[in-house]
Amino acid sequence: MKKETYDRLMKFRDDRDWSQFHTGENLAKSIMIEAGELLEVFQWTNQEKSIDKVKEELADVLSYCYLMADHYHLDVDEILNKKLDQNEAKYPADKVRGSSKKYNEYKK
């Protein structure tokens, strides 16, 4: 996320004094609620009904994710890269390319 966008999100929160409500639990709940709304876009079909609705709901999910990272003083780039390192080790490209099997279902 660009610093300008991050700062704007935090200002939006702070201007409304909403950080007092942003506990880890509340933010996790909000992420799940918004993820459910994103999933609803695909309900009863395997095609999105509207890319604009996908963008809107995805933005809500991402906003809460960044707010949670801020709440716990986490560096999003750092935690994402650490997880990518773990996944690269768990799912070596030469072993899993083109497969959707879980890491413990393929031969290492």
PDB file of N, CA and C in Angstrom:
ATOM      1  N   MET A   1       0.847  -1.169   0.000  1.00  0.00           N
ATOM      2  CA  MET A   1       0.000   0.000   0.000  1.00  0.00           C
ATOM      3  C   MET A   1       0.896   1.237   0.000  1.00  0.00           C
ATOM      4  N   LYS A   2       0.544   2.181  -0.797  1.00  0.00           N
ATOM      5  CA  LYS A   2       1.290   3.435  -0.821  1.00  0.00           C
ATOM      6  C   LYS A   2       1.124   4.160   0.506  1.00  0.00           C
ATOM      7  N   LYS A   3       2.172   4.834   0.930  1.00  0.00           N
ATOM      8  CA  LYS A   3       2.139   5.562   2.196  1.00  0.00           C
ATOM      9  C   LYS A   3       0.997   6.572   2.213  1.00  0.00           C
ATOM     10  N   GLU A   4       0.774   7.227   1.106  1.00  0.00           N
ATOM     11  CA  GLU A   4      -0.299   8.221   1.024  1.00  0.00           C
ATOM     12  C   GLU A   4      -1.664   7.583   1.310  1.00  0.00           C
ATOM     13  N   THR A   5      -1.893   6.399   0.764  1.00  0.00           N
ATOM     14  CA  THR A   5      -3.158   5.697   0.975  1.00  0.00           C
ATOM     15  C   THR A   5      -3.266   5.229   2.423  1.00  0.00           C
ATOM     16  N   TYR A   6      -2.178   4.684   2.946  1.00  0.00           N
ATOM     17  CA  TYR A   6      -2.139   4.240   4.342  1.00  0.00           C
ATOM     18  C   TYR A   6      -2.450   5.417   5.276  1.00  0.00           C
ATOM     19  N   ASP A   7      -1.783   6.535   5.056  1.00  0.00           N
ATOM     20  CA  ASP A   7      -2.008   7.721   5.886  1.00  0.00           C
ATOM     21  C   ASP A   7      -3.459   8.194   5.789  1.00  0.00           C
ATOM     22  N   ARG A   8      -4.035   8.109   4.606  1.00  0.00           N
ATOM     23  CA  ARG A   8      -5.426   8.524   4.422  1.00  0.00           C
ATOM     24  C   ARG A   8      -6.377   7.618   5.199  1.00  0.00           C
ATOM     25  N   LEU A   9      -6.118   6.305   5.182  1.00  0.00           N
ATOM     26  CA  LEU A   9      -6.933   5.351   5.930  1.00  0.00           C
ATOM     27  C   LEU A   9      -6.853   5.648   7.429  1.00  0.00           C
ATOM     28  N   MET A  10      -5.650   5.880   7.930  1.00  0.00           N
ATOM     29  CA  MET A  10      -5.477   6.157   9.352  1.00  0.00           C
ATOM     30  C   MET A  10      -6.127   7.490   9.741  1.00  0.00           C
ATOM     31  N   LYS A  11      -6.032   8.476   8.864  1.00  0.00           N
ATOM     32  CA  LYS A  11      -6.678   9.767   9.125  1.00  0.00           C
ATOM     33  C   LYS A  11      -8.185   9.606   9.147  1.00  0.00           C
ATOM     34  N   PHE A  12      -8.729   8.831   8.229  1.00  0.00           N
ATOM     35  CA  PHE A  12     -10.171   8.562   8.201  1.00  0.00           C
ATOM     36  C   PHE A  12     -10.602   7.988   9.552  1.00  0.00           C
ATOM     37  N   ARG A  13      -9.857   6.983  10.033  1.00  0.00           N
ATOM     38  CA  ARG A  13     -10.151   6.358  11.332  1.00  0.00           C
ATOM     39  C   ARG A  13     -10.013   7.374  12.466  1.00  0.00           C
ATOM     40  N   ASP A  14      -8.904   8.085  12.483  1.00  0.00           N
ATOM     41  CA  ASP A  14      -8.609   9.001  13.595  1.00  0.00           C
ATOM     42  C   ASP A  14      -9.550  10.198  13.635  1.00  0.00           C
ATOM     43  N   ASP A  15      -9.933  10.724  12.475  1.00  0.00           N
ATOM     44  CA  ASP A  15     -10.856  11.862  12.422  1.00  0.00           C
ATOM     45  C   ASP A  15     -12.211  11.509  13.041  1.00  0.00           C
ATOM     46  N   ARG A  16     -12.541  10.233  13.068  1.00  0.00           N
ATOM     47  CA  ARG A  16     -13.829   9.775  13.605  1.00  0.00           C
ATOM     48  C   ARG A  16     -13.685   9.173  15.002  1.00  0.00           C
ATOM     49  N   ASP A  17     -12.450   9.150  15.521  1.00  0.00           N
ATOM     50  CA  ASP A  17     -12.145   8.565  16.826  1.00  0.00           C
ATOM     51  C   ASP A  17     -12.640   7.121  16.910  1.00  0.00           C
ATOM     52  N   TRP A  18     -12.395   6.358  15.850  1.00  0.00           N
ATOM     53  CA  TRP A  18     -12.861   4.974  15.796  1.00  0.00           C
ATOM     54  C   TRP A  18     -11.814   3.981  16.304  1.00  0.00           C
ATOM     55  N   SER A  19     -10.585   4.392  16.506  1.00  0.00           N
ATOM     56  CA  SER A  19      -9.568   3.429  16.948  1.00  0.00           C
ATOM     57  C   SER A  19      -9.928   2.826  18.302  1.00  0.00           C
ATOM     58  N   GLN A  20     -10.728   3.534  19.093  1.00  0.00           N
ATOM     59  CA  GLN A  20     -11.148   3.005  20.392  1.00  0.00           C
ATOM     60  C   GLN A  20     -11.970   1.722  20.244  1.00  0.00           C
ATOM     61  N   PHE A  21     -12.572   1.520  19.082  1.00  0.00           N
ATOM     62  CA  PHE A  21     -13.380   0.325  18.826  1.00  0.00           C
ATOM     63  C   PHE A  21     -12.593  -0.774  18.122  1.00  0.00           C
ATOM     64  N   HIS A  22     -11.370  -0.448  17.720  1.00  0.00           N
ATOM     65  CA  HIS A  22     -10.582  -1.361  16.894  1.00  0.00           C
ATOM     66  C   HIS A  22      -9.715  -2.289  17.737  1.00  0.00           C
ATOM     67  N   THR A  23     -10.378  -3.175  18.451  1.00  0.00           N
ATOM     68  CA  THR A  23      -9.660  -4.234  19.154  1.00  0.00           C
ATOM     69  C   THR A  23      -9.309  -5.308  18.128  1.00  0.00           C
ATOM     70  N   GLY A  24      -8.386  -6.173  18.488  1.00  0.00           N
ATOM     71  CA  GLY A  24      -8.058  -7.281  17.584  1.00  0.00           C
ATOM     72  C   GLY A  24      -9.290  -8.099  17.247  1.00  0.00           C
ATOM     73  N   GLU A  25     -10.093  -8.390  18.271  1.00  0.00           N
ATOM     74  CA  GLU A  25     -11.307  -9.188  18.056  1.00  0.00           C
ATOM     75  C   GLU A  25     -12.284  -8.488  17.115  1.00  0.00           C
ATOM     76  N   ASN A  26     -12.536  -7.203  17.358  1.00  0.00           N
ATOM     77  CA  ASN A  26     -13.482  -6.478  16.501  1.00  0.00           C
ATOM     78  C   ASN A  26     -12.986  -6.376  15.067  1.00  0.00           C
ATOM     79  N   LEU A  27     -11.693  -6.166  14.906  1.00  0.00           N
ATOM     80  CA  LEU A  27     -11.145  -6.076  13.554  1.00  0.00           C
ATOM     81  C   LEU A  27     -11.206  -7.423  12.845  1.00  0.00           C
ATOM     82  N   ALA A  28     -10.918  -8.511  13.563  1.00  0.00           N
ATOM     83  CA  ALA A  28     -11.015  -9.845  12.969  1.00  0.00           C
ATOM     84  C   ALA A  28     -12.461 -10.133  12.550  1.00  0.00           C
ATOM     85  N   LYS A  29     -13.405  -9.773  13.389  1.00  0.00           N
ATOM     86  CA  LYS A  29     -14.821  -9.952  13.046  1.00  0.00           C
ATOM     87  C   LYS A  29     -15.167  -9.149  11.796  1.00  0.00           C
ATOM     88  N   SER A  30     -14.695  -7.926  11.744  1.00  0.00           N
ATOM     89  CA  SER A  30     -14.992  -7.065  10.599  1.00  0.00           C
ATOM     90  C   SER A  30     -14.398  -7.613   9.310  1.00  0.00           C
ATOM     91  N   ILE A  31     -13.182  -8.170   9.398  1.00  0.00           N
ATOM     92  CA  ILE A  31     -12.569  -8.794   8.218  1.00  0.00           C
ATOM     93  C   ILE A  31     -13.450  -9.923   7.725  1.00  0.00           C
ATOM     94  N   MET A  32     -13.920 -10.761   8.637  1.00  0.00           N
ATOM     95  CA  MET A  32     -14.758 -11.901   8.242  1.00  0.00           C
ATOM     96  C   MET A  32     -16.101 -11.453   7.686  1.00  0.00           C
ATOM     97  N   ILE A  33     -16.701 -10.457   8.275  1.00  0.00           N
ATOM     98  CA  ILE A  33     -17.985  -9.939   7.784  1.00  0.00           C
ATOM     99  C   ILE A  33     -17.815  -9.408   6.366  1.00  0.00           C
ATOM    100  N   GLU A  34     -16.778  -8.616   6.159  1.00  0.00           N
ATOM    101  CA  GLU A  34     -16.553  -8.046   4.823  1.00  0.00           C
ATOM    102  C   GLU A  34     -16.156  -9.127   3.823  1.00  0.00           C
ATOM    103  N   ALA A  35     -15.397 -10.138   4.266  1.00  0.00           N
ATOM    104  CA  ALA A  35     -15.050 -11.252   3.378  1.00  0.00           C
ATOM    105  C   ALA A  35     -16.319 -11.998   2.968  1.00  0.00           C
ATOM    106  N   GLY A  36     -17.265 -12.128   3.887  1.00  0.00           N
ATOM    107  CA  GLY A  36     -18.551 -12.741   3.559  1.00  0.00           C
ATOM    108  C   GLY A  36     -19.305 -11.935   2.515  1.00  0.00           C
ATOM    109  N   GLU A  37     -19.244 -10.622   2.628  1.00  0.00           N
ATOM    110  CA  GLU A  37     -19.899  -9.770   1.633  1.00  0.00           C
ATOM    111  C   GLU A  37     -19.210  -9.901   0.274  1.00  0.00           C
ATOM    112  N   LEU A  38     -17.897 -10.073   0.272  1.00  0.00           N
ATOM    113  CA  LEU A  38     -17.178 -10.312  -0.985  1.00  0.00           C
ATOM    114  C   LEU A  38     -17.612 -11.650  -1.582  1.00  0.00           C
ATOM    115  N   LEU A  39     -17.708 -12.660  -0.757  1.00  0.00           N
ATOM    116  CA  LEU A  39     -18.139 -13.978  -1.225  1.00  0.00           C
ATOM    117  C   LEU A  39     -19.564 -13.938  -1.767  1.00  0.00           C
ATOM    118  N   GLU A  40     -20.389 -13.109  -1.173  1.00  0.00           N
ATOM    119  CA  GLU A  40     -21.774 -12.988  -1.610  1.00  0.00           C
ATOM    120  C   GLU A  40     -21.877 -12.537  -3.071  1.00  0.00           C
ATOM    121  N   VAL A  41     -20.887 -11.793  -3.540  1.00  0.00           N
ATOM    122  CA  VAL A  41     -20.875 -11.349  -4.934  1.00  0.00           C
ATOM    123  C   VAL A  41     -20.913 -12.554  -5.880  1.00  0.00           C
ATOM    124  N   PHE A  42     -20.361 -13.679  -5.426  1.00  0.00           N
ATOM    125  CA  PHE A  42     -20.273 -14.874  -6.252  1.00  0.00           C
ATOM    126  C   PHE A  42     -21.375 -15.895  -5.943  1.00  0.00           C
ATOM    127  N   GLN A  43     -22.263 -15.562  -5.018  1.00  0.00           N
ATOM    128  CA  GLN A  43     -23.301 -16.507  -4.606  1.00  0.00           C
ATOM    129  C   GLN A  43     -24.187 -16.888  -5.780  1.00  0.00           C
ATOM    130  N   TRP A  44     -24.441 -18.166  -5.913  1.00  0.00           N
ATOM    131  CA  TRP A  44     -25.317 -18.784  -6.911  1.00  0.00           C
ATOM    132  C   TRP A  44     -24.756 -18.726  -8.316  1.00  0.00           C
ATOM    133  N   THR A  45     -23.508 -18.348  -8.439  1.00  0.00           N
ATOM    134  CA  THR A  45     -22.868 -18.318  -9.753  1.00  0.00           C
ATOM    135  C   THR A  45     -21.371 -18.446  -9.557  1.00  0.00           C
ATOM    136  N   ASN A  46     -20.672 -18.858 -10.588  1.00  0.00           N
ATOM    137  CA  ASN A  46     -19.218 -18.898 -10.479  1.00  0.00           C
ATOM    138  C   ASN A  46     -18.582 -17.715 -11.205  1.00  0.00           C
ATOM    139  N   GLN A  47     -19.395 -16.757 -11.553  1.00  0.00           N
ATOM    140  CA  GLN A  47     -18.890 -15.545 -12.195  1.00  0.00           C
ATOM    141  C   GLN A  47     -19.306 -14.337 -11.366  1.00  0.00           C
ATOM    142  N   GLU A  48     -18.421 -13.359 -11.292  1.00  0.00           N
ATOM    143  CA  GLU A  48     -18.780 -12.173 -10.531  1.00  0.00           C
ATOM    144  C   GLU A  48     -19.896 -11.416 -11.244  1.00  0.00           C
ATOM    145  N   LYS A  49     -20.795 -10.892 -10.451  1.00  0.00           N
ATOM    146  CA  LYS A  49     -21.922 -10.151 -10.992  1.00  0.00           C
ATOM    147  C   LYS A  49     -21.493  -8.760 -11.429  1.00  0.00           C
ATOM    148  N   SER A  50     -20.538  -8.204 -10.707  1.00  0.00           N
ATOM    149  CA  SER A  50     -20.111  -6.847 -10.998  1.00  0.00           C
ATOM    150  C   SER A  50     -18.693  -6.640 -10.481  1.00  0.00           C
ATOM    151  N   ILE A  51     -17.796  -6.297 -11.355  1.00  0.00           N
ATOM    152  CA  ILE A  51     -16.417  -6.041 -10.924  1.00  0.00           C
ATOM    153  C   ILE A  51     -16.384  -4.846  -9.978  1.00  0.00           C
ATOM    154  N   ASP A  52     -17.308  -3.916 -10.138  1.00  0.00           N
ATOM    155  CA  ASP A  52     -17.359  -2.768  -9.226  1.00  0.00           C
ATOM    156  C   ASP A  52     -17.694  -3.214  -7.808  1.00  0.00           C
ATOM    157  N   LYS A  53     -18.593  -4.187  -7.668  1.00  0.00           N
ATOM    158  CA  LYS A  53     -18.941  -4.712  -6.344  1.00  0.00           C
ATOM    159  C   LYS A  53     -17.760  -5.491  -5.759  1.00  0.00           C
ATOM    160  N   VAL A  54     -17.049  -6.230  -6.601  1.00  0.00           N
ATOM    161  CA  VAL A  54     -15.851  -6.937  -6.147  1.00  0.00           C
ATOM    162  C   VAL A  54     -14.850  -5.922  -5.604  1.00  0.00           C
ATOM    163  N   LYS A  55     -14.620  -4.852  -6.334  1.00  0.00           N
ATOM    164  CA  LYS A  55     -13.671  -3.820  -5.890  1.00  0.00           C
ATOM    165  C   LYS A  55     -14.094  -3.211  -4.561  1.00  0.00           C
ATOM    166  N   GLU A  56     -15.378  -2.914  -4.438  1.00  0.00           N
ATOM    167  CA  GLU A  56     -15.897  -2.282  -3.223  1.00  0.00           C
ATOM    168  C   GLU A  56     -15.703  -3.189  -2.001  1.00  0.00           C
ATOM    169  N   GLU A  57     -16.078  -4.452  -2.134  1.00  0.00           N
ATOM    170  CA  GLU A  57     -15.975  -5.377  -0.999  1.00  0.00           C
ATOM    171  C   GLU A  57     -14.521  -5.735  -0.697  1.00  0.00           C
ATOM    172  N   LEU A  58     -13.712  -5.893  -1.725  1.00  0.00           N
ATOM    173  CA  LEU A  58     -12.292  -6.176  -1.510  1.00  0.00           C
ATOM    174  C   LEU A  58     -11.619  -5.007  -0.792  1.00  0.00           C
ATOM    175  N   ALA A  59     -11.990  -3.790  -1.150  1.00  0.00           N
ATOM    176  CA  ALA A  59     -11.440  -2.610  -0.473  1.00  0.00           C
ATOM    177  C   ALA A  59     -11.797  -2.624   1.011  1.00  0.00           C
ATOM    178  N   ASP A  60     -13.020  -3.049   1.335  1.00  0.00           N
ATOM    179  CA  ASP A  60     -13.415  -3.145   2.744  1.00  0.00           C
ATOM    180  C   ASP A  60     -12.561  -4.174   3.483  1.00  0.00           C
ATOM    181  N   VAL A  61     -12.367  -5.340   2.871  1.00  0.00           N
ATOM    182  CA  VAL A  61     -11.537  -6.391   3.492  1.00  0.00           C
ATOM    183  C   VAL A  61     -10.118  -5.865   3.712  1.00  0.00           C
ATOM    184  N   LEU A  62      -9.546  -5.272   2.682  1.00  0.00           N
ATOM    185  CA  LEU A  62      -8.172  -4.774   2.789  1.00  0.00           C
ATOM    186  C   LEU A  62      -8.054  -3.668   3.836  1.00  0.00           C
ATOM    187  N   SER A  63      -9.046  -2.797   3.900  1.00  0.00           N
ATOM    188  CA  SER A  63      -9.014  -1.714   4.893  1.00  0.00           C
ATOM    189  C   SER A  63      -8.924  -2.280   6.297  1.00  0.00           C
ATOM    190  N   TYR A  64      -9.775  -3.253   6.603  1.00  0.00           N
ATOM    191  CA  TYR A  64      -9.744  -3.851   7.937  1.00  0.00           C
ATOM    192  C   TYR A  64      -8.450  -4.620   8.187  1.00  0.00           C
ATOM    193  N   CYS A  65      -7.901  -5.243   7.156  1.00  0.00           N
ATOM    194  CA  CYS A  65      -6.620  -5.936   7.318  1.00  0.00           C
ATOM    195  C   CYS A  65      -5.509  -4.951   7.665  1.00  0.00           C
ATOM    196  N   TYR A  66      -5.475  -3.827   6.992  1.00  0.00           N
ATOM    197  CA  TYR A  66      -4.457  -2.821   7.302  1.00  0.00           C
ATOM    198  C   TYR A  66      -4.678  -2.198   8.671  1.00  0.00           C
ATOM    199  N   LEU A  67      -5.943  -2.016   9.038  1.00  0.00           N
ATOM    200  CA  LEU A  67      -6.226  -1.490  10.375  1.00  0.00           C
ATOM    201  C   LEU A  67      -5.788  -2.479  11.456  1.00  0.00           C
ATOM    202  N   MET A  68      -5.955  -3.773  11.194  1.00  0.00           N
ATOM    203  CA  MET A  68      -5.504  -4.773  12.160  1.00  0.00           C
ATOM    204  C   MET A  68      -3.982  -4.776  12.261  1.00  0.00           C
ATOM    205  N   ALA A  69      -3.317  -4.700  11.131  1.00  0.00           N
ATOM    206  CA  ALA A  69      -1.853  -4.647  11.143  1.00  0.00           C
ATOM    207  C   ALA A  69      -1.381  -3.428  11.940  1.00  0.00           C
ATOM    208  N   ASP A  70      -2.031  -2.312  11.747  1.00  0.00           N
ATOM    209  CA  ASP A  70      -1.669  -1.104  12.483  1.00  0.00           C
ATOM    210  C   ASP A  70      -1.917  -1.297  13.983  1.00  0.00           C
ATOM    211  N   HIS A  71      -3.029  -1.907  14.331  1.00  0.00           N
ATOM    212  CA  HIS A  71      -3.374  -2.145  15.737  1.00  0.00           C
ATOM    213  C   HIS A  71      -2.275  -2.932  16.456  1.00  0.00           C
ATOM    214  N   TYR A  72      -1.722  -3.913  15.770  1.00  0.00           N
ATOM    215  CA  TYR A  72      -0.679  -4.756  16.361  1.00  0.00           C
ATOM    216  C   TYR A  72       0.742  -4.298  16.003  1.00  0.00           C
ATOM    217  N   HIS A  73       0.848  -3.137  15.368  1.00  0.00           N
ATOM    218  CA  HIS A  73       2.151  -2.562  14.989  1.00  0.00           C
ATOM    219  C   HIS A  73       2.943  -3.537  14.107  1.00  0.00           C
ATOM    220  N   LEU A  74       2.264  -4.115  13.130  1.00  0.00           N
ATOM    221  CA  LEU A  74       2.884  -5.075  12.229  1.00  0.00           C
ATOM    222  C   LEU A  74       3.246  -4.404  10.911  1.00  0.00           C
ATOM    223  N   ASP A  75       4.368  -4.787  10.363  1.00  0.00           N
ATOM    224  CA  ASP A  75       4.803  -4.332   9.046  1.00  0.00           C
ATOM    225  C   ASP A  75       4.237  -5.311   8.021  1.00  0.00           C
ATOM    226  N   VAL A  76       3.293  -4.850   7.216  1.00  0.00           N
ATOM    227  CA  VAL A  76       2.594  -5.722   6.274  1.00  0.00           C
ATOM    228  C   VAL A  76       3.568  -6.369   5.297  1.00  0.00           C
ATOM    229  N   ASP A  77       4.518  -5.608   4.777  1.00  0.00           N
ATOM    230  CA  ASP A  77       5.501  -6.182   3.853  1.00  0.00           C
ATOM    231  C   ASP A  77       6.304  -7.284   4.535  1.00  0.00           C
ATOM    232  N   GLU A  78       6.696  -7.047   5.774  1.00  0.00           N
ATOM    233  CA  GLU A  78       7.493  -8.024   6.511  1.00  0.00           C
ATOM    234  C   GLU A  78       6.718  -9.322   6.747  1.00  0.00           C
ATOM    235  N   ILE A  79       5.483  -9.215   7.230  1.00  0.00           N
ATOM    236  CA  ILE A  79       4.737 -10.442   7.536  1.00  0.00           C
ATOM    237  C   ILE A  79       4.317 -11.174   6.266  1.00  0.00           C
ATOM    238  N   LEU A  80       4.031 -10.431   5.205  1.00  0.00           N
ATOM    239  CA  LEU A  80       3.673 -11.077   3.943  1.00  0.00           C
ATOM    240  C   LEU A  80       4.873 -11.791   3.341  1.00  0.00           C
ATOM    241  N   ASN A  81       6.031 -11.155   3.376  1.00  0.00           N
ATOM    242  CA  ASN A  81       7.241 -11.802   2.848  1.00  0.00           C
ATOM    243  C   ASN A  81       7.635 -13.023   3.661  1.00  0.00           C
ATOM    244  N   LYS A  82       7.468 -12.953   4.981  1.00  0.00           N
ATOM    245  CA  LYS A  82       7.769 -14.113   5.825  1.00  0.00           C
ATOM    246  C   LYS A  82       6.852 -15.282   5.456  1.00  0.00           C
ATOM    247  N   LYS A  83       5.577 -14.989   5.241  1.00  0.00           N
ATOM    248  CA  LYS A  83       4.626 -16.041   4.861  1.00  0.00           C
ATOM    249  C   LYS A  83       4.952 -16.586   3.474  1.00  0.00           C
ATOM    250  N   LEU A  84       5.359 -15.732   2.555  1.00  0.00           N
ATOM    251  CA  LEU A  84       5.769 -16.197   1.224  1.00  0.00           C
ATOM    252  C   LEU A  84       6.981 -17.110   1.316  1.00  0.00           C
ATOM    253  N   ASP A  85       7.929 -16.769   2.183  1.00  0.00           N
ATOM    254  CA  ASP A  85       9.089 -17.642   2.398  1.00  0.00           C
ATOM    255  C   ASP A  85       8.633 -19.023   2.874  1.00  0.00           C
ATOM    256  N   GLN A  86       7.731 -19.043   3.840  1.00  0.00           N
ATOM    257  CA  GLN A  86       7.220 -20.313   4.358  1.00  0.00           C
ATOM    258  C   GLN A  86       6.502 -21.107   3.265  1.00  0.00           C
ATOM    259  N   ASN A  87       5.679 -20.419   2.486  1.00  0.00           N
ATOM    260  CA  ASN A  87       4.924 -21.103   1.428  1.00  0.00           C
ATOM    261  C   ASN A  87       5.822 -21.592   0.304  1.00  0.00           C
ATOM    262  N   GLU A  88       6.877 -20.844  -0.008  1.00  0.00           N
ATOM    263  CA  GLU A  88       7.820 -21.305  -1.030  1.00  0.00           C
ATOM    264  C   GLU A  88       8.499 -22.595  -0.589  1.00  0.00           C
ATOM    265  N   ALA A  89       8.809 -22.690   0.703  1.00  0.00           N
ATOM    266  CA  ALA A  89       9.421 -23.920   1.222  1.00  0.00           C
ATOM    267  C   ALA A  89       8.414 -25.063   1.246  1.00  0.00           C
ATOM    268  N   LYS A  90       7.184 -24.752   1.587  1.00  0.00           N
ATOM    269  CA  LYS A  90       6.133 -25.762   1.699  1.00  0.00           C
ATOM    270  C   LYS A  90       5.653 -26.253   0.339  1.00  0.00           C
ATOM    271  N   TYR A  91       5.653 -25.356  -0.629  1.00  0.00           N
ATOM    272  CA  TYR A  91       5.136 -25.651  -1.968  1.00  0.00           C
ATOM    273  C   TYR A  91       6.191 -25.350  -3.031  1.00  0.00           C
ATOM    274  N   PRO A  92       7.229 -26.186  -3.156  1.00  0.00           N
ATOM    275  CA  PRO A  92       8.261 -25.920  -4.168  1.00  0.00           C
ATOM    276  C   PRO A  92       7.648 -25.963  -5.571  1.00  0.00           C
ATOM    277  N   ALA A  93       7.922 -24.960  -6.354  1.00  0.00           N
ATOM    278  CA  ALA A  93       7.296 -24.818  -7.676  1.00  0.00           C
ATOM    279  C   ALA A  93       7.514 -26.047  -8.553  1.00  0.00           C
ATOM    280  N   ASP A  94       8.695 -26.632  -8.486  1.00  0.00           N
ATOM    281  CA  ASP A  94       8.972 -27.782  -9.348  1.00  0.00           C
ATOM    282  C   ASP A  94       8.177 -29.025  -8.931  1.00  0.00           C
ATOM    283  N   LYS A  95       7.631 -29.041  -7.729  1.00  0.00           N
ATOM    284  CA  LYS A  95       6.854 -30.188  -7.245  1.00  0.00           C
ATOM    285  C   LYS A  95       5.341 -29.985  -7.359  1.00  0.00           C
ATOM    286  N   VAL A  96       4.892 -28.757  -7.285  1.00  0.00           N
ATOM    287  CA  VAL A  96       3.452 -28.511  -7.186  1.00  0.00           C
ATOM    288  C   VAL A  96       2.856 -27.736  -8.365  1.00  0.00           C
ATOM    289  N   ARG A  97       3.684 -27.390  -9.327  1.00  0.00           N
ATOM    290  CA  ARG A  97       3.185 -26.597 -10.455  1.00  0.00           C
ATOM    291  C   ARG A  97       1.944 -27.247 -11.061  1.00  0.00           C
ATOM    292  N   GLY A  98       0.867 -26.462 -11.164  1.00  0.00           N
ATOM    293  CA  GLY A  98      -0.356 -26.922 -11.787  1.00  0.00           C
ATOM    294  C   GLY A  98      -1.230 -27.801 -10.905  1.00  0.00           C
ATOM    295  N   SER A  99      -0.856 -27.985  -9.654  1.00  0.00           N
ATOM    296  CA  SER A  99      -1.618 -28.836  -8.741  1.00  0.00           C
ATOM    297  C   SER A  99      -2.241 -27.986  -7.636  1.00  0.00           C
ATOM    298  N   SER A 100      -3.446 -28.334  -7.231  1.00  0.00           N
ATOM    299  CA  SER A 100      -4.098 -27.633  -6.131  1.00  0.00           C
ATOM    300  C   SER A 100      -4.058 -28.442  -4.844  1.00  0.00           C
ATOM    301  N   LYS A 101      -3.262 -29.495  -4.834  1.00  0.00           N
ATOM    302  CA  LYS A 101      -3.159 -30.345  -3.644  1.00  0.00           C
ATOM    303  C   LYS A 101      -2.504 -29.572  -2.503  1.00  0.00           C
ATOM    304  N   LYS A 102      -2.904 -29.935  -1.293  1.00  0.00           N
ATOM    305  CA  LYS A 102      -2.315 -29.349  -0.101  1.00  0.00           C
ATOM    306  C   LYS A 102      -0.880 -29.869   0.055  1.00  0.00           C
ATOM    307  N   TYR A 103      -0.055 -29.126   0.760  1.00  0.00           N
ATOM    308  CA  TYR A 103       1.373 -29.437   0.868  1.00  0.00           C
ATOM    309  C   TYR A 103       1.648 -30.862   1.365  1.00  0.00           C
ATOM    310  N   ASN A 104       0.770 -31.411   2.155  1.00  0.00           N
ATOM    311  CA  ASN A 104       1.010 -32.751   2.687  1.00  0.00           C
ATOM    312  C   ASN A 104       0.436 -33.857   1.788  1.00  0.00           C
ATOM    313  N   GLU A 105      -0.100 -33.494   0.630  1.00  0.00           N
ATOM    314  CA  GLU A 105      -0.687 -34.463  -0.288  1.00  0.00           C
ATOM    315  C   GLU A 105       0.185 -34.749  -1.500  1.00  0.00           C
ATOM    316  N   TYR A 106       1.267 -34.045  -1.661  1.00  0.00           N
ATOM    317  CA  TYR A 106       2.141 -34.292  -2.813  1.00  0.00           C
ATOM    318  C   TYR A 106       3.449 -34.901  -2.324  1.00  0.00           C
ATOM    319  N   LYS A 107       4.128 -35.586  -3.215  1.00  0.00           N
ATOM    320  CA  LYS A 107       5.404 -36.209  -2.862  1.00  0.00           C
ATOM    321  C   LYS A 107       6.493 -35.165  -2.865  1.00  0.00           C
ATOM    322  N   LYS A 108       7.280 -35.167  -1.790  1.00  0.00           N
ATOM    323  CA  LYS A 108       8.369 -34.179  -1.676  1.00  0.00           C
ATOM    324  C   LYS A 108       9.622 -34.706  -2.304  1.00  0.00           C
TER     325      LYS A 108
END
